[in-house]
PDB file of N, CA and C in Angstrom:
ATOM      1  N   UNK A   1       6.182   8.952  -4.053  1.00  0.00           N
ATOM      2  CA  UNK A   1       4.684   9.251  -3.984  1.00  0.00           C
ATOM      3  C   UNK A   1       4.051   8.516  -4.900  1.00  0.00           C
ATOM      4  N   UNK A   2       2.999   7.661  -4.605  1.00  0.00           N
ATOM      5  CA  UNK A   2       2.344   6.784  -5.654  1.00  0.00           C
ATOM      6  C   UNK A   2       0.688   7.168  -5.443  1.00  0.00           C
ATOM      7  N   UNK A   3       0.224   7.034  -6.345  1.00  0.00           N
ATOM      8  CA  UNK A   3      -1.322   7.493  -6.552  1.00  0.00           C
ATOM      9  C   UNK A   3      -2.053   6.437  -7.429  1.00  0.00           C
ATOM     10  N   UNK A   4      -3.080   5.682  -7.051  1.00  0.00           N
ATOM     11  CA  UNK A   4      -3.743   4.752  -7.803  1.00  0.00           C
ATOM     12  C   UNK A   4      -5.354   5.335  -7.909  1.00  0.00           C
ATOM     13  N   UNK A   5      -5.623   5.259  -9.201  1.00  0.00           N
ATOM     14  CA  UNK A   5      -6.986   5.721  -9.647  1.00  0.00           C
ATOM     15  C   UNK A   5      -8.083   4.661  -9.043  1.00  0.00           C
ATOM     16  N   UNK A   6      -9.338   5.079  -8.667  1.00  0.00           N
ATOM     17  CA  UNK A   6     -10.389   4.237  -8.199  1.00  0.00           C
ATOM     18  C   UNK A   6     -10.440   3.001  -9.094  1.00  0.00           C
ATOM     19  N   UNK A   7     -10.534   1.891  -8.346  1.00  0.00           N
ATOM     20  CA  UNK A   7     -10.548   0.678  -9.153  1.00  0.00           C
ATOM     21  C   UNK A   7      -9.164   0.038  -9.631  1.00  0.00           C
ATOM     22  N   UNK A   8      -8.178   0.743  -9.366  1.00  0.00           N
ATOM     23  CA  UNK A   8      -6.737   0.376  -9.814  1.00  0.00           C
ATOM     24  C   UNK A   8      -6.088  -0.434  -8.770  1.00  0.00           C
ATOM     25  N   UNK A   9      -4.900  -0.744  -8.928  1.00  0.00           N
ATOM     26  CA  UNK A   9      -4.104  -1.434  -8.103  1.00  0.00           C
ATOM     27  C   UNK A   9      -2.649  -1.412  -8.289  1.00  0.00           C
ATOM     28  N   UNK A  10      -1.753  -1.656  -7.405  1.00  0.00           N
ATOM     29  CA  UNK A  10      -0.266  -1.822  -7.721  1.00  0.00           C
ATOM     30  C   UNK A  10       0.001  -2.972  -8.086  1.00  0.00           C
ATOM     31  N   UNK A  11       1.320  -3.393  -8.469  1.00  0.00           N
ATOM     32  CA  UNK A  11       1.706  -4.717  -8.697  1.00  0.00           C
ATOM     33  C   UNK A  11       1.718  -5.460  -7.501  1.00  0.00           C
ATOM     34  N   UNK A  12       1.713  -6.629  -7.565  1.00  0.00           N
ATOM     35  CA  UNK A  12       1.789  -7.677  -6.352  1.00  0.00           C
ATOM     36  C   UNK A  12       3.300  -8.150  -6.559  1.00  0.00           C
ATOM     37  N   UNK A  13       4.046  -7.556  -5.563  1.00  0.00           N
ATOM     38  CA  UNK A  13       5.483  -7.691  -5.589  1.00  0.00           C
ATOM     39  C   UNK A  13       6.051  -7.775  -4.158  1.00  0.00           C
ATOM     40  N   UNK A  14       7.432  -8.074  -4.122  1.00  0.00           N
ATOM     41  CA  UNK A  14       8.150  -8.259  -3.023  1.00  0.00           C
ATOM     42  C   UNK A  14       9.686  -7.513  -3.160  1.00  0.00           C
ATOM     43  N   UNK A  15      10.365  -7.227  -2.120  1.00  0.00           N
ATOM     44  CA  UNK A  15      11.553  -6.541  -2.339  1.00  0.00           C
ATOM     45  C   UNK A  15      12.528  -7.119  -1.204  1.00  0.00           C
ATOM     46  N   UNK A  16      13.705  -7.035  -1.279  1.00  0.00           N
ATOM     47  CA  UNK A  16      14.668  -7.584  -0.332  1.00  0.00           C
ATOM     48  C   UNK A  16      14.685  -6.528   0.786  1.00  0.00           C
ATOM     49  N   UNK A  17      14.157  -5.524   0.719  1.00  0.00           N
ATOM     50  CA  UNK A  17      14.250  -4.344   1.836  1.00  0.00           C
ATOM     51  C   UNK A  17      12.874  -4.141   2.425  1.00  0.00           C
ATOM     52  N   UNK A  18      12.974  -3.685   3.564  1.00  0.00           N
ATOM     53  CA  UNK A  18      11.510  -3.322   4.321  1.00  0.00           C
ATOM     54  C   UNK A  18      11.363  -2.090   3.684  1.00  0.00           C
ATOM     55  N   UNK A  19      10.035  -1.652   4.012  1.00  0.00           N
ATOM     56  CA  UNK A  19       9.699  -0.314   3.638  1.00  0.00           C
ATOM     57  C   UNK A  19       8.375   0.104   4.376  1.00  0.00           C
ATOM     58  N   UNK A  20       8.031   1.506   4.696  1.00  0.00           N
ATOM     59  CA  UNK A  20       6.993   2.008   5.398  1.00  0.00           C
ATOM     60  C   UNK A  20       6.034   2.596   4.362  1.00  0.00           C
ATOM     61  N   UNK A  21       4.791   2.563   4.312  1.00  0.00           N
ATOM     62  CA  UNK A  21       3.786   3.309   3.420  1.00  0.00           C
ATOM     63  C   UNK A  21       3.013   3.915   4.312  1.00  0.00           C
ATOM     64  N   UNK A  22       2.796   5.330   4.038  1.00  0.00           N
ATOM     65  CA  UNK A  22       2.038   6.233   4.746  1.00  0.00           C
ATOM     66  C   UNK A  22       0.890   6.680   3.790  1.00  0.00           C
ATOM     67  N   UNK A  23      -0.291   6.394   4.167  1.00  0.00           N
ATOM     68  CA  UNK A  23      -1.467   6.698   3.137  1.00  0.00           C
ATOM     69  C   UNK A  23      -1.908   8.122   3.568  1.00  0.00           C
ATOM     70  N   UNK A  24      -1.870   8.999   2.517  1.00  0.00           N
ATOM     71  CA  UNK A  24      -2.135  10.345   2.669  1.00  0.00           C
ATOM     72  C   UNK A  24      -3.342  10.948   1.925  1.00  0.00           C
ATOM     73  N   UNK A  25      -4.000   9.978   1.150  1.00  0.00           N
ATOM     74  CA  UNK A  25      -5.146  10.215   0.335  1.00  0.00           C
ATOM     75  C   UNK A  25      -6.083   9.203   0.096  1.00  0.00           C
ATOM     76  N   UNK A  26      -7.489   9.214   0.460  1.00  0.00           N
ATOM     77  CA  UNK A  26      -8.298   8.155   0.070  1.00  0.00           C
ATOM     78  C   UNK A  26      -8.301   6.956   0.963  1.00  0.00           C
ATOM     79  N   UNK A  27      -8.864   5.862   0.510  1.00  0.00           N
ATOM     80  CA  UNK A  27      -8.913   4.698   1.083  1.00  0.00           C
ATOM     81  C   UNK A  27      -8.792   3.406   0.192  1.00  0.00           C
ATOM     82  N   UNK A  28      -8.523   2.432   0.764  1.00  0.00           N
ATOM     83  CA  UNK A  28      -8.519   0.905  -0.157  1.00  0.00           C
ATOM     84  C   UNK A  28      -8.041   0.077   0.702  1.00  0.00           C
ATOM     85  N   UNK A  29      -7.404  -1.049   0.147  1.00  0.00           N
ATOM     86  CA  UNK A  29      -7.033  -2.261   0.801  1.00  0.00           C
ATOM     87  C   UNK A  29      -5.664  -2.649   0.645  1.00  0.00           C
ATOM     88  N   UNK A  30      -4.780  -3.116   1.453  1.00  0.00           N
ATOM     89  CA  UNK A  30      -3.426  -3.469   1.295  1.00  0.00           C
ATOM     90  C   UNK A  30      -3.600  -5.093   1.692  1.00  0.00           C
ATOM     91  N   UNK A  31      -2.897  -5.889   0.567  1.00  0.00           N
ATOM     92  CA  UNK A  31      -2.526  -7.309   0.804  1.00  0.00           C
ATOM     93  C   UNK A  31      -1.176  -7.531   1.518  1.00  0.00           C
ATOM     94  N   UNK A  32      -1.065  -8.169   2.478  1.00  0.00           N
ATOM     95  CA  UNK A  32       0.333  -8.390   3.061  1.00  0.00           C
ATOM     96  C   UNK A  32       0.377  -9.880   3.240  1.00  0.00           C
ATOM     97  N   UNK A  33       1.132 -10.666   2.356  1.00  0.00           N
ATOM     98  CA  UNK A  33       1.229 -12.101   2.379  1.00  0.00           C
ATOM     99  C   UNK A  33      -0.264 -12.517   1.837  1.00  0.00           C
ATOM    100  N   UNK A  34      -0.851 -13.493   2.644  1.00  0.00           N
ATOM    101  CA  UNK A  34      -2.212 -13.960   2.380  1.00  0.00           C
ATOM    102  C   UNK A  34      -3.342 -13.043   3.069  1.00  0.00           C
ATOM    103  N   UNK A  35      -3.116 -12.039   3.884  1.00  0.00           N
ATOM    104  CA  UNK A  35      -4.115 -11.285   4.565  1.00  0.00           C
ATOM    105  C   UNK A  35      -4.130 -10.053   4.171  1.00  0.00           C
ATOM    106  N   UNK A  36      -5.474  -9.506   4.095  1.00  0.00           N
ATOM    107  CA  UNK A  36      -5.828  -8.213   3.810  1.00  0.00           C
ATOM    108  C   UNK A  36      -6.256  -7.442   4.911  1.00  0.00           C
ATOM    109  N   UNK A  37      -6.215  -6.028   4.549  1.00  0.00           N
ATOM    110  CA  UNK A  37      -6.595  -4.931   5.687  1.00  0.00           C
ATOM    111  C   UNK A  37      -6.975  -3.789   4.953  1.00  0.00           C
ATOM    112  N   UNK A  38      -8.220  -3.121   5.304  1.00  0.00           N
ATOM    113  CA  UNK A  38      -8.498  -1.883   4.823  1.00  0.00           C
ATOM    114  C   UNK A  38      -7.764  -0.778   5.517  1.00  0.00           C
ATOM    115  N   UNK A  39      -7.285   0.012   4.529  1.00  0.00           N
ATOM    116  CA  UNK A  39      -6.593   1.332   5.012  1.00  0.00           C
ATOM    117  C   UNK A  39      -7.104   2.460   4.435  1.00  0.00           C
ATOM    118  N   UNK A  40      -6.766   3.740   5.197  1.00  0.00           N
ATOM    119  CA  UNK A  40      -7.358   4.940   4.803  1.00  0.00           C
ATOM    120  C   UNK A  40      -6.479   5.975   5.260  1.00  0.00           C
ATOM    121  N   UNK A  41      -6.456   7.172   4.866  1.00  0.00           N
ATOM    122  CA  UNK A  41      -5.688   8.506   5.072  1.00  0.00           C
ATOM    123  C   UNK A  41      -5.386   8.341   6.638  1.00  0.00           C
ATOM    124  N   UNK A  42      -4.135   8.664   6.773  1.00  0.00           N
ATOM    125  CA  UNK A  42      -3.356   8.754   8.141  1.00  0.00           C
ATOM    126  C   UNK A  42      -2.895   7.270   8.500  1.00  0.00           C
ATOM    127  N   UNK A  43      -3.339   6.125   7.815  1.00  0.00           N
ATOM    128  CA  UNK A  43      -2.784   4.717   8.218  1.00  0.00           C
ATOM    129  C   UNK A  43      -1.250   4.649   7.797  1.00  0.00           C
ATOM    130  N   UNK A  44      -0.574   3.947   8.579  1.00  0.00           N
ATOM    131  CA  UNK A  44       0.884   3.492   8.222  1.00  0.00           C
ATOM    132  C   UNK A  44       0.892   1.938   8.138  1.00  0.00           C
ATOM    133  N   UNK A  45       1.723   1.469   7.216  1.00  0.00           N
ATOM    134  CA  UNK A  45       1.875   0.135   6.746  1.00  0.00           C
ATOM    135  C   UNK A  45       3.122  -0.189   6.890  1.00  0.00           C
ATOM    136  N   UNK A  46       3.615  -1.268   7.619  1.00  0.00           N
ATOM    137  CA  UNK A  46       4.982  -1.814   7.562  1.00  0.00           C
ATOM    138  C   UNK A  46       5.025  -2.886   6.603  1.00  0.00           C
ATOM    139  N   UNK A  47       5.850  -2.966   5.572  1.00  0.00           N
ATOM    140  CA  UNK A  47       6.112  -3.952   4.718  1.00  0.00           C
ATOM    141  C   UNK A  47       7.531  -4.589   4.938  1.00  0.00           C
ATOM    142  N   UNK A  48       7.505  -5.907   5.492  1.00  0.00           N
ATOM    143  CA  UNK A  48       8.933  -6.515   5.791  1.00  0.00           C
ATOM    144  C   UNK A  48       9.587  -6.965   4.630  1.00  0.00           C
ATOM    145  N   UNK A  49      10.777  -7.222   4.759  1.00  0.00           N
ATOM    146  CA  UNK A  49      11.780  -7.747   3.709  1.00  0.00           C
ATOM    147  C   UNK A  49      11.150  -8.987   3.101  1.00  0.00           C
ATOM    148  N   UNK A  50      10.836  -8.927   1.899  1.00  0.00           N
ATOM    149  CA  UNK A  50      10.380 -10.378   1.262  1.00  0.00           C
ATOM    150  C   UNK A  50       9.136 -10.495   1.219  1.00  0.00           C
ATOM    151  N   UNK A  51       8.281  -9.633   1.859  1.00  0.00           N
ATOM    152  CA  UNK A  51       6.828  -9.752   2.032  1.00  0.00           C
ATOM    153  C   UNK A  51       6.111  -9.397   0.841  1.00  0.00           C
ATOM    154  N   UNK A  52       5.281 -10.221   0.321  1.00  0.00           N
ATOM    155  CA  UNK A  52       4.483  -9.992  -0.829  1.00  0.00           C
ATOM    156  C   UNK A  52       3.478  -8.991  -0.472  1.00  0.00           C
ATOM    157  N   UNK A  53       3.172  -7.935  -1.131  1.00  0.00           N
ATOM    158  CA  UNK A  53       2.299  -6.946  -0.972  1.00  0.00           C
ATOM    159  C   UNK A  53       1.747  -6.406  -2.336  1.00  0.00           C
ATOM    160  N   UNK A  54       0.328  -5.641  -2.082  1.00  0.00           N
ATOM    161  CA  UNK A  54      -0.351  -5.127  -3.122  1.00  0.00           C
ATOM    162  C   UNK A  54      -1.190  -4.171  -2.434  1.00  0.00           C
ATOM    163  N   UNK A  55      -1.337  -2.913  -3.081  1.00  0.00           N
ATOM    164  CA  UNK A  55      -2.333  -1.942  -2.698  1.00  0.00           C
ATOM    165  C   UNK A  55      -3.407  -1.624  -3.761  1.00  0.00           C
ATOM    166  N   UNK A  56      -4.620  -1.751  -3.395  1.00  0.00           N
ATOM    167  CA  UNK A  56      -5.915  -1.438  -4.105  1.00  0.00           C
ATOM    168  C   UNK A  56      -6.807  -0.350  -3.763  1.00  0.00           C
ATOM    169  N   UNK A  57      -7.069   0.430  -4.745  1.00  0.00           N
ATOM    170  CA  UNK A  57      -8.025   1.453  -4.630  1.00  0.00           C
ATOM    171  C   UNK A  57      -9.334   1.142  -4.923  1.00  0.00           C
ATOM    172  N   UNK A  58      -9.852  -0.029  -3.965  1.00  0.00           N
ATOM    173  CA  UNK A  58     -11.041  -0.647  -4.271  1.00  0.00           C
ATOM    174  C   UNK A  58     -12.364  -0.142  -3.319  1.00  0.00           C
ATOM    175  N   UNK A  59     -12.051   0.923  -2.797  1.00  0.00           N
ATOM    176  CA  UNK A  59     -13.181   1.423  -2.037  1.00  0.00           C
ATOM    177  C   UNK A  59     -13.759   2.869  -2.385  1.00  0.00           C
ATOM    178  N   UNK A  60     -13.718   3.092  -3.733  1.00  0.00           N
ATOM    179  CA  UNK A  60     -14.220   4.031  -4.514  1.00  0.00           C
ATOM    180  C   UNK A  60     -13.407   5.430  -4.400  1.00  0.00           C
ATOM    181  N   UNK A  61     -12.366   5.353  -3.818  1.00  0.00           N
ATOM    182  CA  UNK A  61     -11.430   6.656  -3.829  1.00  0.00           C
ATOM    183  C   UNK A  61     -10.181   6.402  -4.417  1.00  0.00           C
ATOM    184  N   UNK A  62      -9.730   7.493  -4.774  1.00  0.00           N
ATOM    185  CA  UNK A  62      -8.177   7.416  -5.327  1.00  0.00           C
ATOM    186  C   UNK A  62      -7.293   7.331  -4.079  1.00  0.00           C
ATOM    187  N   UNK A  63      -6.374   6.428  -4.113  1.00  0.00           N
ATOM    188  CA  UNK A  63      -5.515   5.924  -3.062  1.00  0.00           C
ATOM    189  C   UNK A  63      -4.117   6.551  -3.201  1.00  0.00           C
ATOM    190  N   UNK A  64      -3.603   7.382  -2.424  1.00  0.00           N
ATOM    191  CA  UNK A  64      -2.331   8.235  -2.491  1.00  0.00           C
ATOM    192  C   UNK A  64      -1.455   7.824  -1.283  1.00  0.00           C
ATOM    193  N   UNK A  65      -0.229   7.512  -1.513  1.00  0.00           N
ATOM    194  CA  UNK A  65       0.659   7.097  -0.448  1.00  0.00           C
ATOM    195  C   UNK A  65       2.149   7.361  -0.754  1.00  0.00           C
ATOM    196  N   UNK A  66       2.956   7.405   0.365  1.00  0.00           N
ATOM    197  CA  UNK A  66       4.384   7.570   0.216  1.00  0.00           C
ATOM    198  C   UNK A  66       4.868   6.246   0.530  1.00  0.00           C
ATOM    199  N   UNK A  67       5.847   5.919  -0.091  1.00  0.00           N
ATOM    200  CA  UNK A  67       6.695   4.611   0.240  1.00  0.00           C
ATOM    201  C   UNK A  67       8.057   5.143   0.727  1.00  0.00           C
ATOM    202  N   UNK A  68       8.461   4.848   1.818  1.00  0.00           N
ATOM    203  CA  UNK A  68       9.630   5.264   2.577  1.00  0.00           C
ATOM    204  C   UNK A  68      10.600   3.934   2.654  1.00  0.00           C
ATOM    205  N   UNK A  69      11.745   3.960   2.197  1.00  0.00           N
ATOM    206  CA  UNK A  69      12.715   2.959   2.027  1.00  0.00           C
ATOM    207  C   UNK A  69      13.699   3.370   3.255  1.00  0.00           C
ATOM    208  N   UNK A  70      14.106   2.657   4.201  1.00  0.00           N
ATOM    209  CA  UNK A  70      15.430   3.139   4.963  1.00  0.00           C
ATOM    210  C   UNK A  70      16.488   3.194   4.145  1.00  0.00           C
ATOM    211  N   UNK A  71      17.455   4.140   4.462  1.00  0.00           N
ATOM    212  CA  UNK A  71      18.822   4.246   3.885  1.00  0.00           C
ATOM    213  C   UNK A  71      19.519   2.750   4.252  1.00  0.00           C
TER     214      UNK A  71
END
């Protein structure tokens, strides 16, 4: 579980594995590669292997999400 305070953001990073992110609190923006998308509670985001990604709590709310990595 990760939580980002309003105005904050995660590292811009990439991994060799895919993962799924489930937003469970607030709203914000996700960057996947060079595209951005608004996200909010209930959204699910798929991050592919090697895909550069970053999560931002830039919509006035705390952003809370689970990051699930397949075994």
